[in-house]
Each structure stands twice: as C-alpha cells, then as structure tokens.
Full PDB file with SEQRES, HELIX, SHEET, SSBOND, CRYST1, ORIGX, SCALE, CONECT and MASTER records, all heavy atoms in Angstrom:
SEQRES   1 A   34  ALA ASP LEU VAL THR PRO GLY SER TYR ILE VAL ALA THR          
SEQRES   2 A   34  ASP GLY ILE MET PHE ASP LEU ALA ASP VAL PRO ARG GLY          
SEQRES   3 A   34  ALA ALA GLU TRP ALA SER ASP ASN                              
HELIX    1 AA1 GLY A   15  ASP A   19  5                                   5    
HELIX    2 AA2 ALA A   28  ALA A   31  5                                   4    
CRYST1    1.000    1.000    1.000  90.00  90.00  90.00 P 1           1          
ORIGX1      1.000000  0.000000  0.000000        0.00000                         
ORIGX2      0.000000  1.000000  0.000000        0.00000                         
ORIGX3      0.000000  0.000000  1.000000        0.00000                         
SCALE1      1.000000  0.000000  0.000000        0.00000                         
SCALE2      0.000000  1.000000  0.000000        0.00000                         
SCALE3      0.000000  0.000000  1.000000        0.00000                         
ATOM      1  N   ALA A   1      26.201  52.753  50.853  1.00  0.00           N  
ATOM      2  CA  ALA A   1      26.151  54.094  50.374  1.00  0.00           C  
ATOM      3  C   ALA A   1      26.479  55.118  51.445  1.00  0.00           C  
ATOM      4  O   ALA A   1      27.166  56.191  51.193  1.00  0.00           O  
ATOM      5  CB  ALA A   1      24.918  54.453  49.717  1.00  0.00           C  
ATOM      6  N   ASP A   2      26.092  54.815  52.727  1.00  0.00           N  
ATOM      7  CA  ASP A   2      26.351  55.766  53.794  1.00  0.00           C  
ATOM      8  C   ASP A   2      27.869  55.886  54.147  1.00  0.00           C  
ATOM      9  O   ASP A   2      28.264  56.771  54.860  1.00  0.00           O  
ATOM     10  CB  ASP A   2      25.516  55.388  55.058  1.00  0.00           C  
ATOM     11  CG  ASP A   2      25.905  54.068  55.657  1.00  0.00           C  
ATOM     12  OD1 ASP A   2      26.498  53.215  54.939  1.00  0.00           O  
ATOM     13  OD2 ASP A   2      25.599  53.829  56.831  1.00  0.00           O  
ATOM     14  N   LEU A   3      28.652  54.978  53.641  1.00  0.00           N  
ATOM     15  CA  LEU A   3      30.097  55.020  53.894  1.00  0.00           C  
ATOM     16  C   LEU A   3      30.730  55.995  52.885  1.00  0.00           C  
ATOM     17  O   LEU A   3      31.855  56.475  53.201  1.00  0.00           O  
ATOM     18  CB  LEU A   3      30.724  53.667  53.669  1.00  0.00           C  
ATOM     19  CG  LEU A   3      30.646  52.651  54.840  1.00  0.00           C  
ATOM     20  CD1 LEU A   3      31.237  51.313  54.398  1.00  0.00           C  
ATOM     21  CD2 LEU A   3      31.205  53.152  56.124  1.00  0.00           C  
ATOM     22  N   VAL A   4      30.090  56.336  51.746  1.00  0.00           N  
ATOM     23  CA  VAL A   4      30.703  57.118  50.813  1.00  0.00           C  
ATOM     24  C   VAL A   4      30.869  58.562  51.240  1.00  0.00           C  
ATOM     25  O   VAL A   4      29.971  59.192  51.749  1.00  0.00           O  
ATOM     26  CB  VAL A   4      29.881  57.042  49.447  1.00  0.00           C  
ATOM     27  CG1 VAL A   4      30.527  57.951  48.371  1.00  0.00           C  
ATOM     28  CG2 VAL A   4      29.753  55.626  48.984  1.00  0.00           C  
ATOM     29  N   THR A   5      32.082  59.088  51.042  1.00  0.00           N  
ATOM     30  CA  THR A   5      32.376  60.474  51.427  1.00  0.00           C  
ATOM     31  C   THR A   5      31.722  61.443  50.373  1.00  0.00           C  
ATOM     32  O   THR A   5      31.762  61.181  49.174  1.00  0.00           O  
ATOM     33  CB  THR A   5      33.862  60.647  51.424  1.00  0.00           C  
ATOM     34  OG1 THR A   5      34.500  59.574  52.111  1.00  0.00           O  
ATOM     35  CG2 THR A   5      34.231  61.976  52.160  1.00  0.00           C  
ATOM     36  N   PRO A   6      31.243  62.578  50.886  1.00  0.00           N  
ATOM     37  CA  PRO A   6      30.738  63.566  49.908  1.00  0.00           C  
ATOM     38  C   PRO A   6      31.868  63.914  48.964  1.00  0.00           C  
ATOM     39  O   PRO A   6      33.071  64.109  49.314  1.00  0.00           O  
ATOM     40  CB  PRO A   6      30.388  64.801  50.826  1.00  0.00           C  
ATOM     41  CG  PRO A   6      30.026  64.103  52.145  1.00  0.00           C  
ATOM     42  CD  PRO A   6      30.860  62.940  52.212  1.00  0.00           C  
ATOM     43  N   GLY A   7      31.529  63.997  47.670  1.00  0.00           N  
ATOM     44  CA  GLY A   7      32.554  64.228  46.603  1.00  0.00           C  
ATOM     45  C   GLY A   7      33.077  62.937  46.024  1.00  0.00           C  
ATOM     46  O   GLY A   7      33.770  62.974  44.993  1.00  0.00           O  
ATOM     47  N   SER A   8      32.846  61.844  46.723  1.00  0.00           N  
ATOM     48  CA  SER A   8      33.320  60.520  46.245  1.00  0.00           C  
ATOM     49  C   SER A   8      32.209  59.743  45.596  1.00  0.00           C  
ATOM     50  O   SER A   8      31.120  60.254  45.406  1.00  0.00           O  
ATOM     51  CB  SER A   8      34.023  59.769  47.366  1.00  0.00           C  
ATOM     52  OG  SER A   8      34.619  58.552  46.895  1.00  0.00           O  
ATOM     53  N   TYR A   9      32.485  58.413  45.232  1.00  0.00           N  
ATOM     54  CA  TYR A   9      31.582  57.703  44.425  1.00  0.00           C  
ATOM     55  C   TYR A   9      31.315  56.279  45.020  1.00  0.00           C  
ATOM     56  O   TYR A   9      32.137  55.712  45.648  1.00  0.00           O  
ATOM     57  CB  TYR A   9      32.079  57.524  43.056  1.00  0.00           C  
ATOM     58  CG  TYR A   9      32.335  58.773  42.255  1.00  0.00           C  
ATOM     59  CD1 TYR A   9      33.492  59.574  42.449  1.00  0.00           C  
ATOM     60  CD2 TYR A   9      31.369  59.311  41.422  1.00  0.00           C  
ATOM     61  CE1 TYR A   9      33.712  60.694  41.691  1.00  0.00           C  
ATOM     62  CE2 TYR A   9      31.558  60.458  40.660  1.00  0.00           C  
ATOM     63  CZ  TYR A   9      32.727  61.146  40.857  1.00  0.00           C  
ATOM     64  OH  TYR A   9      32.938  62.289  40.107  1.00  0.00           O  
ATOM     65  N   ILE A  10      30.160  55.779  44.724  1.00  0.00           N  
ATOM     66  CA  ILE A  10      29.931  54.335  44.725  1.00  0.00           C  
ATOM     67  C   ILE A  10      29.525  53.917  43.383  1.00  0.00           C  
ATOM     68  O   ILE A  10      28.661  54.497  42.688  1.00  0.00           O  
ATOM     69  CB  ILE A  10      28.777  53.929  45.776  1.00  0.00           C  
ATOM     70  CG1 ILE A  10      28.667  52.412  45.834  1.00  0.00           C  
ATOM     71  CG2 ILE A  10      27.476  54.648  45.490  1.00  0.00           C  
ATOM     72  CD1 ILE A  10      27.813  51.940  47.088  1.00  0.00           C  
ATOM     73  N   VAL A  11      30.316  52.940  42.808  1.00  0.00           N  
ATOM     74  CA  VAL A  11      30.272  52.622  41.365  1.00  0.00           C  
ATOM     75  C   VAL A  11      29.608  51.228  41.171  1.00  0.00           C  
ATOM     76  O   VAL A  11      30.186  50.294  41.553  1.00  0.00           O  
ATOM     77  CB  VAL A  11      31.667  52.649  40.722  1.00  0.00           C  
ATOM     78  CG1 VAL A  11      31.588  52.562  39.265  1.00  0.00           C  
ATOM     79  CG2 VAL A  11      32.456  53.916  41.186  1.00  0.00           C  
ATOM     80  N   ALA A  12      28.495  51.247  40.468  1.00  0.00           N  
ATOM     81  CA  ALA A  12      27.803  50.013  40.108  1.00  0.00           C  
ATOM     82  C   ALA A  12      28.279  49.582  38.752  1.00  0.00           C  
ATOM     83  O   ALA A  12      27.659  49.851  37.773  1.00  0.00           O  
ATOM     84  CB  ALA A  12      26.236  50.245  40.174  1.00  0.00           C  
ATOM     85  N   THR A  13      29.241  48.623  38.740  1.00  0.00           N  
ATOM     86  CA  THR A  13      29.885  48.295  37.507  1.00  0.00           C  
ATOM     87  C   THR A  13      29.121  47.366  36.655  1.00  0.00           C  
ATOM     88  O   THR A  13      28.132  46.732  37.121  1.00  0.00           O  
ATOM     89  CB  THR A  13      31.251  47.661  37.764  1.00  0.00           C  
ATOM     90  OG1 THR A  13      31.027  46.341  38.323  1.00  0.00           O  
ATOM     91  CG2 THR A  13      32.127  48.494  38.693  1.00  0.00           C  
ATOM     92  N   ASP A  14      29.414  47.249  35.410  1.00  0.00           N  
ATOM     93  CA  ASP A  14      28.929  46.262  34.390  1.00  0.00           C  
ATOM     94  C   ASP A  14      27.414  46.515  34.061  1.00  0.00           C  
ATOM     95  O   ASP A  14      26.704  45.570  33.710  1.00  0.00           O  
ATOM     96  CB  ASP A  14      29.138  44.839  34.890  1.00  0.00           C  
ATOM     97  CG  ASP A  14      30.569  44.377  34.667  1.00  0.00           C  
ATOM     98  OD1 ASP A  14      31.277  45.106  33.922  1.00  0.00           O  
ATOM     99  OD2 ASP A  14      30.948  43.447  35.294  1.00  0.00           O  
ATOM    100  N   GLY A  15      26.998  47.743  34.037  1.00  0.00           N  
ATOM    101  CA  GLY A  15      25.677  48.121  33.622  1.00  0.00           C  
ATOM    102  C   GLY A  15      25.498  47.849  32.085  1.00  0.00           C  
ATOM    103  O   GLY A  15      24.416  47.885  31.596  1.00  0.00           O  
ATOM    104  N   ILE A  16      26.634  47.571  31.460  1.00  0.00           N  
ATOM    105  CA  ILE A  16      26.560  47.269  29.975  1.00  0.00           C  
ATOM    106  C   ILE A  16      25.644  46.039  29.691  1.00  0.00           C  
ATOM    107  O   ILE A  16      25.186  45.844  28.620  1.00  0.00           O  
ATOM    108  CB  ILE A  16      27.963  46.991  29.389  1.00  0.00           C  
ATOM    109  CG1 ILE A  16      27.984  46.993  27.852  1.00  0.00           C  
ATOM    110  CG2 ILE A  16      28.491  45.752  29.957  1.00  0.00           C  
ATOM    111  CD1 ILE A  16      27.553  48.280  27.238  1.00  0.00           C  
ATOM    112  N   MET A  17      25.363  45.297  30.703  1.00  0.00           N  
ATOM    113  CA  MET A  17      24.478  44.148  30.584  1.00  0.00           C  
ATOM    114  C   MET A  17      23.153  44.553  29.896  1.00  0.00           C  
ATOM    115  O   MET A  17      22.607  43.765  29.128  1.00  0.00           O  
ATOM    116  CB  MET A  17      24.170  43.568  31.943  1.00  0.00           C  
ATOM    117  CG  MET A  17      25.351  42.737  32.576  1.00  0.00           C  
ATOM    118  SD  MET A  17      25.008  42.433  34.278  1.00  0.00           S  
ATOM    119  CE  MET A  17      23.550  41.369  34.281  1.00  0.00           C  
ATOM    120  N   PHE A  18      22.665  45.782  30.125  1.00  0.00           N  
ATOM    121  CA  PHE A  18      21.397  46.156  29.484  1.00  0.00           C  
ATOM    122  C   PHE A  18      21.463  46.087  28.013  1.00  0.00           C  
ATOM    123  O   PHE A  18      20.440  45.950  27.309  1.00  0.00           O  
ATOM    124  CB  PHE A  18      21.020  47.540  29.987  1.00  0.00           C  
ATOM    125  CG  PHE A  18      21.523  48.695  29.017  1.00  0.00           C  
ATOM    126  CD1 PHE A  18      20.660  49.188  28.078  1.00  0.00           C  
ATOM    127  CD2 PHE A  18      22.780  49.179  29.114  1.00  0.00           C  
ATOM    128  CE1 PHE A  18      21.110  50.164  27.220  1.00  0.00           C  
ATOM    129  CE2 PHE A  18      23.239  50.197  28.303  1.00  0.00           C  
ATOM    130  CZ  PHE A  18      22.389  50.687  27.349  1.00  0.00           C  
ATOM    131  N   ASP A  19      22.695  46.303  27.412  1.00  0.00           N  
ATOM    132  CA  ASP A  19      22.838  46.348  26.019  1.00  0.00           C  
ATOM    133  C   ASP A  19      23.431  45.018  25.411  1.00  0.00           C  
ATOM    134  O   ASP A  19      23.796  44.937  24.319  1.00  0.00           O  
ATOM    135  CB  ASP A  19      23.817  47.440  25.654  1.00  0.00           C  
ATOM    136  CG  ASP A  19      23.687  47.878  24.139  1.00  0.00           C  
ATOM    137  OD1 ASP A  19      22.546  47.742  23.571  1.00  0.00           O  
ATOM    138  OD2 ASP A  19      24.636  48.415  23.606  1.00  0.00           O  
ATOM    139  N   LEU A  20      23.459  43.967  26.301  1.00  0.00           N  
ATOM    140  CA  LEU A  20      23.981  42.691  25.875  1.00  0.00           C  
ATOM    141  C   LEU A  20      22.879  41.577  25.872  1.00  0.00           C  
ATOM    142  O   LEU A  20      23.210  40.384  25.694  1.00  0.00           O  
ATOM    143  CB  LEU A  20      25.088  42.241  26.853  1.00  0.00           C  
ATOM    144  CG  LEU A  20      26.341  43.157  26.892  1.00  0.00           C  
ATOM    145  CD1 LEU A  20      27.246  42.696  28.028  1.00  0.00           C  
ATOM    146  CD2 LEU A  20      27.053  43.260  25.563  1.00  0.00           C  
ATOM    147  N   ALA A  21      21.610  41.971  26.091  1.00  0.00           N  
ATOM    148  CA  ALA A  21      20.535  41.058  26.222  1.00  0.00           C  
ATOM    149  C   ALA A  21      20.381  40.222  24.936  1.00  0.00           C  
ATOM    150  O   ALA A  21      19.875  39.055  25.034  1.00  0.00           O  
ATOM    151  CB  ALA A  21      19.246  41.741  26.595  1.00  0.00           C  
ATOM    152  N   ASP A  22      20.766  40.728  23.842  1.00  0.00           N  
ATOM    153  CA  ASP A  22      20.562  40.040  22.548  1.00  0.00           C  
ATOM    154  C   ASP A  22      21.833  39.394  21.943  1.00  0.00           C  
ATOM    155  O   ASP A  22      21.830  38.986  20.776  1.00  0.00           O  
ATOM    156  CB  ASP A  22      19.961  40.946  21.518  1.00  0.00           C  
ATOM    157  CG  ASP A  22      20.790  42.186  21.183  1.00  0.00           C  
ATOM    158  OD1 ASP A  22      21.685  42.491  21.941  1.00  0.00           O  
ATOM    159  OD2 ASP A  22      20.503  42.826  20.142  1.00  0.00           O  
ATOM    160  N   VAL A  23      22.978  39.504  22.593  1.00  0.00           N  
ATOM    161  CA  VAL A  23      24.220  38.856  22.107  1.00  0.00           C  
ATOM    162  C   VAL A  23      24.216  37.395  22.509  1.00  0.00           C  
ATOM    163  O   VAL A  23      23.488  36.963  23.463  1.00  0.00           O  
ATOM    164  CB  VAL A  23      25.462  39.603  22.603  1.00  0.00           C  
ATOM    165  CG1 VAL A  23      25.338  41.098  22.247  1.00  0.00           C  
ATOM    166  CG2 VAL A  23      25.659  39.374  24.084  1.00  0.00           C  
ATOM    167  N   PRO A  24      24.942  36.566  21.802  1.00  0.00           N  
ATOM    168  CA  PRO A  24      24.895  35.121  22.057  1.00  0.00           C  
ATOM    169  C   PRO A  24      25.191  34.715  23.486  1.00  0.00           C  
ATOM    170  O   PRO A  24      24.518  33.799  24.022  1.00  0.00           O  
ATOM    171  CB  PRO A  24      26.018  34.563  21.137  1.00  0.00           C  
ATOM    172  CG  PRO A  24      26.083  35.535  19.969  1.00  0.00           C  
ATOM    173  CD  PRO A  24      25.789  36.896  20.565  1.00  0.00           C  
ATOM    174  N   ARG A  25      26.124  35.369  24.176  1.00  0.00           N  
ATOM    175  CA  ARG A  25      26.405  35.041  25.564  1.00  0.00           C  
ATOM    176  C   ARG A  25      25.569  35.831  26.601  1.00  0.00           C  
ATOM    177  O   ARG A  25      25.745  35.681  27.825  1.00  0.00           O  
ATOM    178  CB  ARG A  25      27.877  35.235  25.913  1.00  0.00           C  
ATOM    179  CG  ARG A  25      28.813  34.257  25.202  1.00  0.00           C  
ATOM    180  CD  ARG A  25      30.282  34.461  25.662  1.00  0.00           C  
ATOM    181  NE  ARG A  25      30.429  34.419  27.130  1.00  0.00           N  
ATOM    182  CZ  ARG A  25      30.865  35.429  27.832  1.00  0.00           C  
ATOM    183  NH1 ARG A  25      31.145  36.589  27.257  1.00  0.00           N  
ATOM    184  NH2 ARG A  25      30.961  35.309  29.143  1.00  0.00           N  
ATOM    185  N   GLY A  26      24.620  36.629  26.110  1.00  0.00           N  
ATOM    186  CA  GLY A  26      23.794  37.391  26.958  1.00  0.00           C  
ATOM    187  C   GLY A  26      22.540  36.655  27.439  1.00  0.00           C  
ATOM    188  O   GLY A  26      22.415  35.441  27.229  1.00  0.00           O  
ATOM    189  N   ALA A  27      21.615  37.374  28.103  1.00  0.00           N  
ATOM    190  CA  ALA A  27      20.346  36.838  28.539  1.00  0.00           C  
ATOM    191  C   ALA A  27      19.280  37.841  28.371  1.00  0.00           C  
ATOM    192  O   ALA A  27      19.493  39.028  28.709  1.00  0.00           O  
ATOM    193  CB  ALA A  27      20.490  36.339  29.962  1.00  0.00           C  
ATOM    194  N   ALA A  28      18.110  37.495  27.927  1.00  0.00           N  
ATOM    195  CA  ALA A  28      17.054  38.387  27.640  1.00  0.00           C  
ATOM    196  C   ALA A  28      16.649  39.231  28.889  1.00  0.00           C  
ATOM    197  O   ALA A  28      16.368  40.433  28.743  1.00  0.00           O  
ATOM    198  CB  ALA A  28      15.842  37.638  27.132  1.00  0.00           C  
ATOM    199  N   GLU A  29      16.710  38.673  30.030  1.00  0.00           N  
ATOM    200  CA  GLU A  29      16.313  39.414  31.283  1.00  0.00           C  
ATOM    201  C   GLU A  29      17.260  40.502  31.682  1.00  0.00           C  
ATOM    202  O   GLU A  29      16.962  41.397  32.365  1.00  0.00           O  
ATOM    203  CB  GLU A  29      16.134  38.452  32.412  1.00  0.00           C  
ATOM    204  CG  GLU A  29      17.368  37.686  32.790  1.00  0.00           C  
ATOM    205  CD  GLU A  29      17.533  36.346  32.176  1.00  0.00           C  
ATOM    206  OE1 GLU A  29      16.891  36.199  31.102  1.00  0.00           O  
ATOM    207  OE2 GLU A  29      18.211  35.435  32.705  1.00  0.00           O  
ATOM    208  N   TRP A  30      18.515  40.560  31.078  1.00  0.00           N  
ATOM    209  CA  TRP A  30      19.423  41.604  31.388  1.00  0.00           C  
ATOM    210  C   TRP A  30      18.960  42.918  30.881  1.00  0.00           C  
ATOM    211  O   TRP A  30      19.459  43.969  31.384  1.00  0.00           O  
ATOM    212  CB  TRP A  30      20.758  41.324  30.723  1.00  0.00           C  
ATOM    213  CG  TRP A  30      21.507  40.174  31.339  1.00  0.00           C  
ATOM    214  CD1 TRP A  30      21.136  39.377  32.392  1.00  0.00           C  
ATOM    215  CD2 TRP A  30      22.788  39.670  30.905  1.00  0.00           C  
ATOM    216  NE1 TRP A  30      22.010  38.416  32.596  1.00  0.00           N  
ATOM    217  CE2 TRP A  30      23.091  38.526  31.794  1.00  0.00           C  
ATOM    218  CE3 TRP A  30      23.668  39.940  29.920  1.00  0.00           C  
ATOM    219  CZ2 TRP A  30      24.279  37.779  31.642  1.00  0.00           C  
ATOM    220  CZ3 TRP A  30      24.838  39.270  29.730  1.00  0.00           C  
ATOM    221  CH2 TRP A  30      25.172  38.140  30.620  1.00  0.00           C  
ATOM    222  N   ALA A  31      17.993  42.996  30.019  1.00  0.00           N  
ATOM    223  CA  ALA A  31      17.509  44.282  29.558  1.00  0.00           C  
ATOM    224  C   ALA A  31      16.971  45.109  30.664  1.00  0.00           C  
ATOM    225  O   ALA A  31      17.046  46.396  30.688  1.00  0.00           O  
ATOM    226  CB  ALA A  31      16.293  44.068  28.467  1.00  0.00           C  
ATOM    227  N   SER A  32      16.498  44.517  31.713  1.00  0.00           N  
ATOM    228  CA  SER A  32      15.984  45.286  32.850  1.00  0.00           C  
ATOM    229  C   SER A  32      16.733  44.805  34.190  1.00  0.00           C  
ATOM    230  O   SER A  32      16.730  45.548  35.148  1.00  0.00           O  
ATOM    231  CB  SER A  32      14.495  45.029  33.044  1.00  0.00           C  
ATOM    232  OG  SER A  32      14.153  43.641  33.176  1.00  0.00           O  
ATOM    233  N   ASP A  33      17.265  43.630  34.223  1.00  0.00           N  
ATOM    234  CA  ASP A  33      17.913  43.090  35.389  1.00  0.00           C  
ATOM    235  C   ASP A  33      19.368  43.371  35.323  1.00  0.00           C  
ATOM    236  O   ASP A  33      20.180  42.556  34.960  1.00  0.00           O  
ATOM    237  CB  ASP A  33      17.604  41.632  35.553  1.00  0.00           C  
ATOM    238  CG  ASP A  33      18.107  41.009  36.919  1.00  0.00           C  
ATOM    239  OD1 ASP A  33      18.471  41.840  37.784  1.00  0.00           O  
ATOM    240  OD2 ASP A  33      18.193  39.793  36.963  1.00  0.00           O  
ATOM    241  N   ASN A  34      19.763  44.573  35.688  1.00  0.00           N  
ATOM    242  CA  ASN A  34      21.162  45.003  35.505  1.00  0.00           C  
ATOM    243  C   ASN A  34      21.582  46.050  36.533  1.00  0.00           C  
ATOM    244  O   ASN A  34      20.680  46.758  37.074  1.00  0.00           O  
ATOM    245  CB  ASN A  34      21.421  45.423  34.087  1.00  0.00           C  
ATOM    246  CG  ASN A  34      20.606  46.611  33.703  1.00  0.00           C  
ATOM    247  OD1 ASN A  34      20.888  47.696  34.195  1.00  0.00           O  
ATOM    248  ND2 ASN A  34      19.621  46.444  32.834  1.00  0.00           N  
TER     249      ASN A  34                                                      
MASTER        0    0    0    2    0    0    0    6  248    1    0    3          
END                                                                             
C-alpha cells in the first residue's frame, strides 16, 4: 500500500467470493474469508 500514489488505487479483486459461498463451486467459509 505504501507504493500507491495519492489519487491512485490498490485493488483487491474477486471480493465477489462473499456472495458465492452458497453456489455449487463455492465454499461456505468464503462468506467471511474473502
């Protein structure tokens, strides 16, 4: 994070895991582990 320039971003991708905990290829722990 300390490399990120003011006005720029650090992007933590694939947070959609929180909403995939109950789909067939998902995992229950993803509800919080994401």
